[in-house]
């Protein structure tokens, strides 16, 4: 049986936490930042956990992450 291939685009977008959960970056932080207040911009730096409903779908994309 050959090895499963990792989807490289997905591998760049997700990380695994110490407990094994998947983390993604926040959206809404690319442009038009002048009108977003500093508290909101700081909050968008933090990673978000992948929703439980999506975890199985994403593990297929990054099997060895």
N, C-alpha and C. Protein backbone atom coordinates (compact mmCIF):
# COMPACT_ATOMS: atom_id res chain seq x y z
N UNK A 1 0.85 -1.18 0.00
CA UNK A 1 0.00 0.00 0.00
C UNK A 1 0.89 1.25 0.00
N UNK A 2 0.68 2.16 -0.95
CA UNK A 2 1.52 3.38 -0.95
C UNK A 2 1.13 4.33 0.18
N UNK A 3 2.07 5.22 0.48
CA UNK A 3 1.79 6.23 1.50
C UNK A 3 0.72 7.18 1.00
N UNK A 4 -0.04 7.74 1.94
CA UNK A 4 -1.02 8.77 1.59
C UNK A 4 -0.29 10.08 1.37
N UNK A 5 -0.74 10.86 0.40
CA UNK A 5 -0.11 12.16 0.16
C UNK A 5 -0.83 13.24 0.96
N UNK A 6 -0.04 14.15 1.50
CA UNK A 6 -0.57 15.30 2.21
C UNK A 6 -0.91 16.38 1.19
N UNK A 7 -2.06 17.03 1.36
CA UNK A 7 -2.41 18.19 0.54
C UNK A 7 -1.57 19.36 1.02
N UNK A 8 -0.65 19.81 0.21
CA UNK A 8 0.34 20.79 0.65
C UNK A 8 -0.28 22.12 1.04
N UNK A 9 -1.33 22.53 0.35
CA UNK A 9 -2.00 23.78 0.70
C UNK A 9 -2.61 23.71 2.09
N UNK A 10 -3.16 22.56 2.43
CA UNK A 10 -3.76 22.39 3.76
C UNK A 10 -2.68 22.31 4.83
N UNK A 11 -1.55 21.69 4.51
CA UNK A 11 -0.47 21.55 5.49
C UNK A 11 0.08 22.91 5.90
N UNK A 12 0.04 23.88 4.99
CA UNK A 12 0.52 25.22 5.30
C UNK A 12 -0.46 26.01 6.14
N UNK A 13 -1.71 25.59 6.17
CA UNK A 13 -2.76 26.35 6.86
C UNK A 13 -3.10 25.84 8.24
N UNK A 14 -2.76 24.60 8.55
CA UNK A 14 -3.16 24.01 9.82
C UNK A 14 -1.95 23.59 10.63
N UNK A 15 -2.07 23.64 11.96
CA UNK A 15 -1.05 23.13 12.88
C UNK A 15 -1.75 22.26 13.91
N UNK A 16 -0.97 21.41 14.54
CA UNK A 16 -1.52 20.57 15.59
C UNK A 16 -1.07 21.12 16.94
N UNK A 17 -1.98 21.12 17.91
CA UNK A 17 -1.62 21.57 19.25
C UNK A 17 -0.96 20.43 20.01
N UNK A 18 -0.51 20.71 21.21
CA UNK A 18 0.12 19.68 22.03
C UNK A 18 -0.82 18.54 22.37
N UNK A 19 -2.11 18.85 22.48
CA UNK A 19 -3.10 17.82 22.81
C UNK A 19 -3.65 17.12 21.57
N UNK A 20 -3.18 17.52 20.38
CA UNK A 20 -3.58 16.82 19.16
C UNK A 20 -4.71 17.47 18.39
N UNK A 21 -5.20 18.60 18.85
CA UNK A 21 -6.27 19.28 18.11
C UNK A 21 -5.68 20.08 16.97
N UNK A 22 -6.52 20.43 16.00
CA UNK A 22 -6.06 21.20 14.85
C UNK A 22 -6.39 22.67 15.03
N UNK A 23 -5.47 23.54 14.64
CA UNK A 23 -5.62 24.98 14.78
C UNK A 23 -5.48 25.63 13.42
N UNK A 24 -6.25 26.68 13.20
CA UNK A 24 -6.17 27.44 11.96
C UNK A 24 -5.98 28.91 12.30
N UNK A 25 -5.57 29.69 11.32
CA UNK A 25 -5.43 31.13 11.51
C UNK A 25 -6.80 31.79 11.35
N UNK A 26 -6.95 32.96 11.96
CA UNK A 26 -8.19 33.72 11.81
C UNK A 26 -8.24 34.35 10.44
N UNK A 27 -9.44 34.58 9.97
CA UNK A 27 -9.63 35.35 8.75
C UNK A 27 -9.79 36.81 9.08
N UNK A 28 -10.14 37.62 8.09
CA UNK A 28 -10.46 39.04 8.25
C UNK A 28 -9.26 39.87 8.70
N UNK A 29 -8.03 39.45 8.39
CA UNK A 29 -6.85 40.20 8.82
C UNK A 29 -5.94 40.52 7.64
N UNK A 30 -6.46 40.56 6.43
CA UNK A 30 -5.61 40.78 5.26
C UNK A 30 -5.53 42.24 4.86
N UNK A 31 -6.62 42.93 4.87
CA UNK A 31 -6.61 44.32 4.39
C UNK A 31 -7.74 45.08 5.08
N UNK A 32 -7.79 46.37 4.81
CA UNK A 32 -8.76 47.27 5.45
C UNK A 32 -8.65 47.21 6.97
N UNK A 33 -7.40 47.27 7.45
CA UNK A 33 -7.18 47.16 8.88
C UNK A 33 -7.32 48.49 9.61
N UNK A 34 -7.31 49.60 8.86
CA UNK A 34 -7.41 50.90 9.50
C UNK A 34 -8.72 51.08 10.24
N UNK A 35 -9.78 50.52 9.69
CA UNK A 35 -11.08 50.72 10.33
C UNK A 35 -11.40 49.69 11.41
N UNK A 36 -10.54 48.69 11.56
CA UNK A 36 -10.74 47.72 12.63
C UNK A 36 -9.96 48.21 13.85
N UNK A 37 -10.59 48.16 15.01
CA UNK A 37 -9.91 48.72 16.17
C UNK A 37 -8.80 47.77 16.65
N UNK A 38 -7.82 48.31 17.40
CA UNK A 38 -6.66 47.52 17.79
C UNK A 38 -7.00 46.27 18.58
N UNK A 39 -8.01 46.34 19.41
CA UNK A 39 -8.40 45.17 20.20
C UNK A 39 -8.86 44.04 19.28
N UNK A 40 -9.61 44.40 18.25
CA UNK A 40 -10.09 43.40 17.29
C UNK A 40 -8.93 42.82 16.49
N UNK A 41 -8.00 43.67 16.07
CA UNK A 41 -6.84 43.19 15.31
C UNK A 41 -5.97 42.26 16.14
N UNK A 42 -5.78 42.57 17.42
CA UNK A 42 -5.01 41.70 18.31
C UNK A 42 -5.69 40.35 18.46
N UNK A 43 -7.00 40.37 18.59
CA UNK A 43 -7.75 39.12 18.75
C UNK A 43 -7.65 38.24 17.51
N UNK A 44 -7.52 38.86 16.34
CA UNK A 44 -7.44 38.10 15.10
C UNK A 44 -6.08 37.42 14.91
N UNK A 45 -5.07 37.83 15.69
CA UNK A 45 -3.77 37.16 15.62
C UNK A 45 -3.84 35.73 16.13
N UNK A 46 -4.68 35.50 17.10
CA UNK A 46 -4.73 34.20 17.78
C UNK A 46 -5.32 33.15 16.85
N UNK A 47 -4.83 31.92 16.98
CA UNK A 47 -5.37 30.82 16.19
C UNK A 47 -6.70 30.35 16.75
N UNK A 48 -7.50 29.75 15.90
CA UNK A 48 -8.79 29.21 16.30
C UNK A 48 -8.78 27.70 16.12
N UNK A 49 -9.44 27.00 17.00
CA UNK A 49 -9.55 25.54 16.86
C UNK A 49 -10.49 25.21 15.71
N UNK A 50 -10.17 24.13 15.02
CA UNK A 50 -11.05 23.65 13.96
C UNK A 50 -12.31 23.11 14.60
N UNK A 51 -13.45 23.42 14.02
CA UNK A 51 -14.72 22.96 14.55
C UNK A 51 -14.79 21.44 14.52
N UNK A 52 -15.44 20.86 15.50
CA UNK A 52 -15.53 19.40 15.63
C UNK A 52 -16.14 18.76 14.39
N UNK A 53 -17.08 19.45 13.75
CA UNK A 53 -17.75 18.91 12.57
C UNK A 53 -16.80 18.80 11.38
N UNK A 54 -15.72 19.59 11.36
CA UNK A 54 -14.82 19.62 10.21
C UNK A 54 -13.54 18.81 10.41
N UNK A 55 -13.29 18.33 11.61
CA UNK A 55 -12.01 17.69 11.92
C UNK A 55 -11.78 16.46 11.04
N UNK A 56 -12.76 15.60 10.87
CA UNK A 56 -12.58 14.37 10.09
C UNK A 56 -12.24 14.69 8.65
N UNK A 57 -12.86 15.71 8.09
CA UNK A 57 -12.63 16.11 6.70
C UNK A 57 -11.21 16.62 6.51
N UNK A 58 -10.70 17.36 7.51
CA UNK A 58 -9.38 17.96 7.39
C UNK A 58 -8.29 16.92 7.65
N UNK A 59 -8.55 15.94 8.51
CA UNK A 59 -7.54 14.90 8.76
C UNK A 59 -7.25 14.08 7.51
N UNK A 60 -8.21 13.99 6.60
CA UNK A 60 -7.96 13.31 5.32
C UNK A 60 -6.96 14.12 4.51
N UNK A 61 -7.03 15.44 4.59
CA UNK A 61 -6.13 16.31 3.82
C UNK A 61 -4.71 16.29 4.38
N UNK A 62 -4.58 16.21 5.72
CA UNK A 62 -3.26 16.23 6.35
C UNK A 62 -3.13 15.03 7.29
N UNK A 63 -2.95 13.83 6.72
CA UNK A 63 -2.96 12.62 7.54
C UNK A 63 -1.79 12.51 8.51
N UNK A 64 -0.64 13.11 8.20
CA UNK A 64 0.55 12.96 9.04
C UNK A 64 0.85 14.18 9.88
N UNK A 65 -0.05 15.14 9.92
CA UNK A 65 0.17 16.37 10.68
C UNK A 65 -0.03 16.12 12.16
